[in-house]
C-alpha atoms as a PDB file:
ATOM      1  CA  ARG A   1       1.701  -5.476 -30.379  1.00  0.00           C
ATOM      2  CA  ARG A   2      -0.690  -4.685 -27.517  1.00  0.00           C
ATOM      3  CA  ALA A   3      -3.570  -6.406 -29.318  1.00  0.00           C
ATOM      4  CA  TRP A   4      -1.406  -9.504 -29.779  1.00  0.00           C
ATOM      5  CA  ALA A   5      -0.475  -9.491 -26.075  1.00  0.00           C
ATOM      6  CA  LEU A   6      -4.157  -9.208 -25.193  1.00  0.00           C
ATOM      7  CA  ALA A   7      -5.030 -12.087 -27.523  1.00  0.00           C
ATOM      8  CA  ARG A   8      -2.286 -14.253 -25.972  1.00  0.00           C
ATOM      9  CA  GLY A   9      -3.588 -13.442 -22.482  1.00  0.00           C
ATOM     10  CA  ALA A  10      -0.249 -12.059 -21.303  1.00  0.00           C
ATOM     11  CA  ARG A  11      -1.927  -9.119 -19.542  1.00  0.00           C
ATOM     12  CA  PRO A  12      -5.605  -8.476 -18.987  1.00  0.00           C
ATOM     13  CA  ASP A  13      -5.508  -5.008 -20.587  1.00  0.00           C
ATOM     14  CA  ALA A  14      -2.168  -5.127 -22.463  1.00  0.00           C
ATOM     15  CA  GLY A  15      -1.696  -1.450 -21.615  1.00  0.00           C
ATOM     16  CA  LEU A  16      -4.661  -0.372 -23.710  1.00  0.00           C
ATOM     17  CA  HIS A  17      -5.821   2.066 -21.006  1.00  0.00           C
ATOM     18  CA  LEU A  18      -2.532   4.011 -20.988  1.00  0.00           C
ATOM     19  CA  ASP A  19      -2.098   7.477 -22.437  1.00  0.00           C
ATOM     20  CA  PRO A  20       0.530   7.705 -25.219  1.00  0.00           C
ATOM     21  CA  ASP A  21       3.332   8.904 -22.892  1.00  0.00           C
ATOM     22  CA  ALA A  22       2.729   6.158 -20.330  1.00  0.00           C
ATOM     23  CA  ASP A  23       2.591   3.584 -23.116  1.00  0.00           C
ATOM     24  CA  LEU A  24       5.909   4.898 -24.436  1.00  0.00           C
ATOM     25  CA  ALA A  25       7.425   4.569 -20.936  1.00  0.00           C
ATOM     26  CA  ARG A  26       6.137   0.990 -20.728  1.00  0.00           C
ATOM     27  CA  ARG A  27       7.581   0.127 -24.129  1.00  0.00           C
ATOM     28  CA  ALA A  28      10.877   1.860 -23.301  1.00  0.00           C
ATOM     29  CA  GLU A  29      11.198  -0.232 -20.135  1.00  0.00           C
ATOM     30  CA  GLN A  30      10.747  -3.396 -22.195  1.00  0.00           C
ATOM     31  CA  THR A  31      13.514  -2.400 -24.623  1.00  0.00           C
ATOM     32  CA  LEU A  32      15.955  -0.730 -22.194  1.00  0.00           C
ATOM     33  CA  GLY A  33      19.456  -2.048 -22.831  1.00  0.00           C
ATOM     34  CA  THR A  34      18.668  -3.381 -26.303  1.00  0.00           C
ATOM     35  CA  PRO A  35      19.243  -1.933 -29.787  1.00  0.00           C
ATOM     36  CA  ALA A  36      15.478  -1.456 -30.053  1.00  0.00           C
ATOM     37  CA  PHE A  37      15.679   1.213 -27.341  1.00  0.00           C
ATOM     38  CA  SER A  38      17.642   3.633 -29.522  1.00  0.00           C
ATOM     39  CA  ALA A  39      15.203   3.087 -32.363  1.00  0.00           C
ATOM     40  CA  LEU A  40      12.291   3.758 -30.020  1.00  0.00           C
ATOM     41  CA  ALA A  41      13.937   6.971 -28.791  1.00  0.00           C
ATOM     42  CA  ALA A  42      14.541   8.132 -32.355  1.00  0.00           C
ATOM     43  CA  THR A  43      10.962   7.366 -33.367  1.00  0.00           C
ATOM     44  CA  SER A  44       9.496   9.056 -30.287  1.00  0.00           C
ATOM     45  CA  GLY A  45      11.492  12.256 -30.730  1.00  0.00           C
ATOM     46  CA  LEU A  46      12.585  12.207 -27.069  1.00  0.00           C
ATOM     47  CA  PRO A  47      16.246  12.457 -26.145  1.00  0.00           C
ATOM     48  CA  GLU A  48      17.555   9.022 -25.122  1.00  0.00           C
ATOM     49  CA  ARG A  49      18.474  10.242 -21.628  1.00  0.00           C
ATOM     50  CA  GLU A  50      14.885  11.398 -20.995  1.00  0.00           C
ATOM     51  CA  LEU A  51      13.470   8.139 -22.318  1.00  0.00           C
ATOM     52  CA  VAL A  52      15.835   6.252 -19.976  1.00  0.00           C
ATOM     53  CA  ARG A  53      14.321   8.203 -17.045  1.00  0.00           C
ATOM     54  CA  TRP A  54      10.825   7.258 -18.241  1.00  0.00           C
ATOM     55  CA  ALA A  55      11.831   3.599 -18.586  1.00  0.00           C
ATOM     56  CA  LEU A  56      13.417   3.528 -15.121  1.00  0.00           C
ATOM     57  CA  ALA A  57      10.334   5.114 -13.578  1.00  0.00           C
ATOM     58  CA  TRP A  58       8.164   2.453 -15.221  1.00  0.00           C
ATOM     59  CA  ARG A  59      10.537  -0.335 -14.157  1.00  0.00           C
ATOM     60  CA  GLN A  60      10.563   0.798 -10.531  1.00  0.00           C
ATOM     61  CA  GLY A  61       6.916   1.739 -10.062  1.00  0.00           C
ATOM     62  CA  GLY A  62       4.813   1.004 -13.140  1.00  0.00           C
ATOM     63  CA  ALA A  63       2.221   3.587 -14.128  1.00  0.00           C
ATOM     64  CA  MET A  64       2.309   5.174 -10.657  1.00  0.00           C
ATOM     65  CA  GLY A  65       6.106   5.451 -10.793  1.00  0.00           C
ATOM     66  CA  PHE A  66       5.851   7.194 -14.141  1.00  0.00           C
ATOM     67  CA  ASP A  67       3.226   9.584 -12.762  1.00  0.00           C
ATOM     68  CA  VAL A  68       5.463  10.410  -9.792  1.00  0.00           C
ATOM     69  CA  LEU A  69       8.375  11.148 -12.150  1.00  0.00           C
ATOM     70  CA  ARG A  70       6.331  13.555 -14.235  1.00  0.00           C
ATOM     71  CA  SER A  71       4.347  15.197 -11.448  1.00  0.00           C
ATOM     72  CA  PRO A  72       5.644  18.499 -10.138  1.00  0.00           C
ATOM     73  CA  ALA A  73       6.130  18.999  -6.420  1.00  0.00           C
ATOM     74  CA  VAL A  74       2.678  19.635  -5.009  1.00  0.00           C
ATOM     75  CA  PRO A  75       2.799  22.911  -3.065  1.00  0.00           C
ATOM     76  CA  THR A  76       0.606  23.270  -0.019  1.00  0.00           C
ATOM     77  CA  PRO A  77      -0.643  26.449   1.662  1.00  0.00           C
ATOM     78  CA  ARG A  78       2.186  26.051   4.200  1.00  0.00           C
ATOM     79  CA  ASP A  79       4.771  25.970   1.372  1.00  0.00           C
ATOM     80  CA  ARG A  80       3.483  29.244  -0.023  1.00  0.00           C
ATOM     81  CA  ASP A  81       3.532  30.842   3.443  1.00  0.00           C
ATOM     82  CA  CYS A  82       6.970  29.811   4.700  1.00  0.00           C
ATOM     83  CA  GLY A  83       8.757  27.889   1.958  1.00  0.00           C
ATOM     84  CA  GLU A  84       9.017  24.589   3.863  1.00  0.00           C
ATOM     85  CA  ARG A  85       6.551  21.854   4.615  1.00  0.00           C
ATOM     86  CA  THR A  86       6.497  20.613   8.195  1.00  0.00           C
ATOM     87  CA  ASP A  87       3.291  18.633   8.599  1.00  0.00           C
ATOM     88  CA  GLY A  88       0.609  16.764   6.688  1.00  0.00           C
ATOM     89  CA  ASP A  89      -2.126  19.373   6.538  1.00  0.00           C
ATOM     90  CA  LEU A  90      -3.642  18.195   3.250  1.00  0.00           C
ATOM     91  CA  ALA A  91      -5.008  14.800   2.314  1.00  0.00           C
ATOM     92  CA  GLY A  92      -2.519  12.734   0.361  1.00  0.00           C
ATOM     93  CA  THR A  93       0.534  14.571   1.664  1.00  0.00           C
ATOM     94  CA  PRO A  94       2.995  13.095   4.139  1.00  0.00           C
ATOM     95  CA  THR A  95       2.417  13.697   7.843  1.00  0.00           C
ATOM     96  CA  ALA A  96       5.044  15.044  10.240  1.00  0.00           C
ATOM     97  CA  ASP A  97       5.925  11.469  11.302  1.00  0.00           C
ATOM     98  CA  LEU A  98       6.365  10.331   7.709  1.00  0.00           C
ATOM     99  CA  LEU A  99       8.486  13.379   6.927  1.00  0.00           C
ATOM    100  CA  ALA A 100      10.633  12.759  10.012  1.00  0.00           C
ATOM    101  CA  ALA A 101      11.255   9.185   8.868  1.00  0.00           C
ATOM    102  CA  ALA A 102      12.170  10.381   5.369  1.00  0.00           C
ATOM    103  CA  ARG A 103      14.498  13.051   6.768  1.00  0.00           C
ATOM    104  CA  ALA A 104      16.255  10.514   9.000  1.00  0.00           C
ATOM    105  CA  ALA A 105      16.699   8.021   6.150  1.00  0.00           C
ATOM    106  CA  LEU A 106      18.065  10.650   3.774  1.00  0.00           C
ATOM    107  CA  ALA A 107      20.405  12.097   6.411  1.00  0.00           C
ATOM    108  CA  GLU A 108      21.824   8.605   6.945  1.00  0.00           C
ATOM    109  CA  VAL A 109      22.372   8.028   3.229  1.00  0.00           C
ATOM    110  CA  SER A 110      23.698  11.450   2.255  1.00  0.00           C
ATOM    111  CA  GLY A 111      25.213  12.823   5.436  1.00  0.00           C
ATOM    112  CA  THR A 112      23.610  16.230   4.797  1.00  0.00           C
ATOM    113  CA  ARG A 113      20.572  17.995   6.252  1.00  0.00           C
ATOM    114  CA  PRO A 114      17.393  17.158   4.317  1.00  0.00           C
ATOM    115  CA  VAL A 115      15.189  19.922   2.925  1.00  0.00           C
ATOM    116  CA  VAL A 116      11.441  19.434   2.607  1.00  0.00           C
ATOM    117  CA  ARG A 117       9.445  21.021  -0.177  1.00  0.00           C
ATOM    118  CA  ALA A 118       5.876  19.895  -0.643  1.00  0.00           C
ATOM    119  CA  ASN A 119       5.851  16.124  -1.231  1.00  0.00           C
ATOM    120  CA  ARG A 120       9.629  15.900  -1.750  1.00  0.00           C
ATOM    121  CA  VAL A 121      12.463  15.493   0.724  1.00  0.00           C
ATOM    122  CA  THR A 122      15.923  16.208  -0.674  1.00  0.00           C
ATOM    123  CA  SER A 123      19.382  15.699   0.800  1.00  0.00           C
ATOM    124  CA  GLY A 124      22.530  15.937  -1.278  1.00  0.00           C
ATOM    125  CA  THR A 125      22.098  13.861  -4.422  1.00  0.00           C
ATOM    126  CA  TRP A 126      19.166  11.908  -2.970  1.00  0.00           C
ATOM    127  CA  GLN A 127      15.468  12.699  -3.032  1.00  0.00           C
ATOM    128  CA  LEU A 128      12.360  10.923  -1.799  1.00  0.00           C
ATOM    129  CA  ARG A 129       9.046  11.722  -3.467  1.00  0.00           C
ATOM    130  CA  TRP A 130       5.766  10.915  -1.728  1.00  0.00           C
ATOM    131  CA  GLY A 131       3.387   9.250  -4.164  1.00  0.00           C
ATOM    132  CA  PRO A 132      -0.409   9.255  -4.181  1.00  0.00           C
ATOM    133  CA  ASP A 133      -0.190   5.546  -3.322  1.00  0.00           C
ATOM    134  CA  ARG A 134       1.371   6.514   0.050  1.00  0.00           C
ATOM    135  CA  ARG A 135       4.840   5.184  -0.833  1.00  0.00           C
ATOM    136  CA  TRP A 136       8.191   6.951  -1.035  1.00  0.00           C
ATOM    137  CA  TYR A 137       9.893   6.912  -4.443  1.00  0.00           C
ATOM    138  CA  PRO A 138      13.707   7.233  -4.231  1.00  0.00           C
ATOM    139  CA  TYR A 139      15.501   9.445  -6.746  1.00  0.00           C
ATOM    140  CA  ARG A 140      19.159  10.234  -7.357  1.00  0.00           C
ATOM    141  CA  ARG A 141      20.520  13.328  -9.075  1.00  0.00           C
ATOM    142  CA  ARG A 142      22.704  12.393 -12.054  1.00  0.00           C
ATOM    143  CA  GLN A 143      23.955  14.650 -14.809  1.00  0.00           C
ATOM    144  CA  GLY A 144      21.696  17.443 -13.577  1.00  0.00           C
ATOM    145  CA  HIS A 145      18.469  15.379 -13.572  1.00  0.00           C
ATOM    146  CA  TRP A 146      16.536  13.460 -10.935  1.00  0.00           C
ATOM    147  CA  GLU A 147      16.307   9.781 -11.900  1.00  0.00           C
ATOM    148  CA  PRO A 148      14.380   6.938 -10.288  1.00  0.00           C
ATOM    149  CA  ALA A 149      16.829   5.091  -8.038  1.00  0.00           C
ATOM    150  CA  GLY A 150      14.937   2.177  -6.557  1.00  0.00           C
ATOM    151  CA  ALA A 151      11.603   0.579  -5.888  1.00  0.00           C
ATOM    152  CA  PRO A 152       9.029   2.604  -3.963  1.00  0.00           C
ATOM    153  CA  ASP A 153       8.258   1.639  -0.391  1.00  0.00           C
ATOM    154  CA  ALA A 154       6.065   2.868   2.454  1.00  0.00           C
ATOM    155  CA  ASP A 155       9.231   2.858   4.576  1.00  0.00           C
ATOM    156  CA  PRO A 156      11.674   5.475   3.255  1.00  0.00           C
ATOM    157  CA  ALA A 157      14.663   3.641   4.730  1.00  0.00           C
ATOM    158  CA  ALA A 158      13.725   0.442   2.901  1.00  0.00           C
ATOM    159  CA  GLY A 159      13.285   2.378  -0.342  1.00  0.00           C
ATOM    160  CA  LEU A 160      16.831   3.701   0.037  1.00  0.00           C
ATOM    161  CA  GLY A 161      18.258   0.280   0.949  1.00  0.00           C
ATOM    162  CA  ILE A 162      18.939   1.187   4.601  1.00  0.00           C
ATOM    163  CA  GLY A 163      18.499  -1.456   7.254  1.00  0.00           C
ATOM    164  CA  ARG A 164      19.368  -4.373   5.037  1.00  0.00           C
ATOM    165  CA  PRO A 165      22.557  -5.366   3.286  1.00  0.00           C
ATOM    166  CA  VAL A 166      22.999  -3.221   0.219  1.00  0.00           C
ATOM    167  CA  SER A 167      24.834  -4.895  -2.614  1.00  0.00           C
ATOM    168  CA  ARG A 168      26.044  -3.196  -5.755  1.00  0.00           C
ATOM    169  CA  GLY A 169      23.009  -2.584  -7.899  1.00  0.00           C
ATOM    170  CA  ALA A 170      20.431  -2.886  -5.087  1.00  0.00           C
ATOM    171  CA  VAL A 171      19.825   0.832  -5.536  1.00  0.00           C
ATOM    172  CA  PRO A 172      21.210   1.985  -8.892  1.00  0.00           C
ATOM    173  CA  GLY A 173      24.339   4.047  -8.423  1.00  0.00           C
ATOM    174  CA  THR A 174      24.886   2.966  -4.825  1.00  0.00           C
ATOM    175  CA  PRO A 175      28.309   1.476  -4.127  1.00  0.00           C
ATOM    176  CA  ALA A 176      28.627  -1.725  -2.180  1.00  0.00           C
ATOM    177  CA  PRO A 177      29.215  -1.187   1.540  1.00  0.00           C
ATOM    178  CA  PRO A 178      32.877  -1.204   2.627  1.00  0.00           C
ATOM    179  CA  ARG A 179      34.264  -4.488   3.930  1.00  0.00           C
ATOM    180  CA  ARG A 180      35.268  -4.475   7.588  1.00  0.00           C
END
């Protein structure tokens, strides 16, 4: 299939550079919501729910989104010393200003006090993950698992749908705002 896509010119690399898991996430995203998805899950040996998470990560952020889903929280020396990250003391980690913006956005969405651990800011059922591409990836806790919940953005509020009208489906699982 990838060779055919390459021959047709649909994509310059047709995903040929991807490792097998990333390629599976890409294929799962293409079949999500179709009967082919269940067949792909059965063939892959992954539970359907896990493959849905992979597909959503690919849909929201491509290969980088998939990497962010699968990457563990990156502990810093400060995390090991005091259990909470408060500044950007390592390259590629969010600075104090970026963390403050993420905390404010999450507090607005969830109404609870955000907790920072490494490159993740969590509040209630919401989480923002800082990616190596310097964007925040929104996640929502559902059925005991963190799932991608929107497109990544350098602005955490925008990634969570704050500051613009949020309609049902703008961020998966987010209800439409109440009518006034």
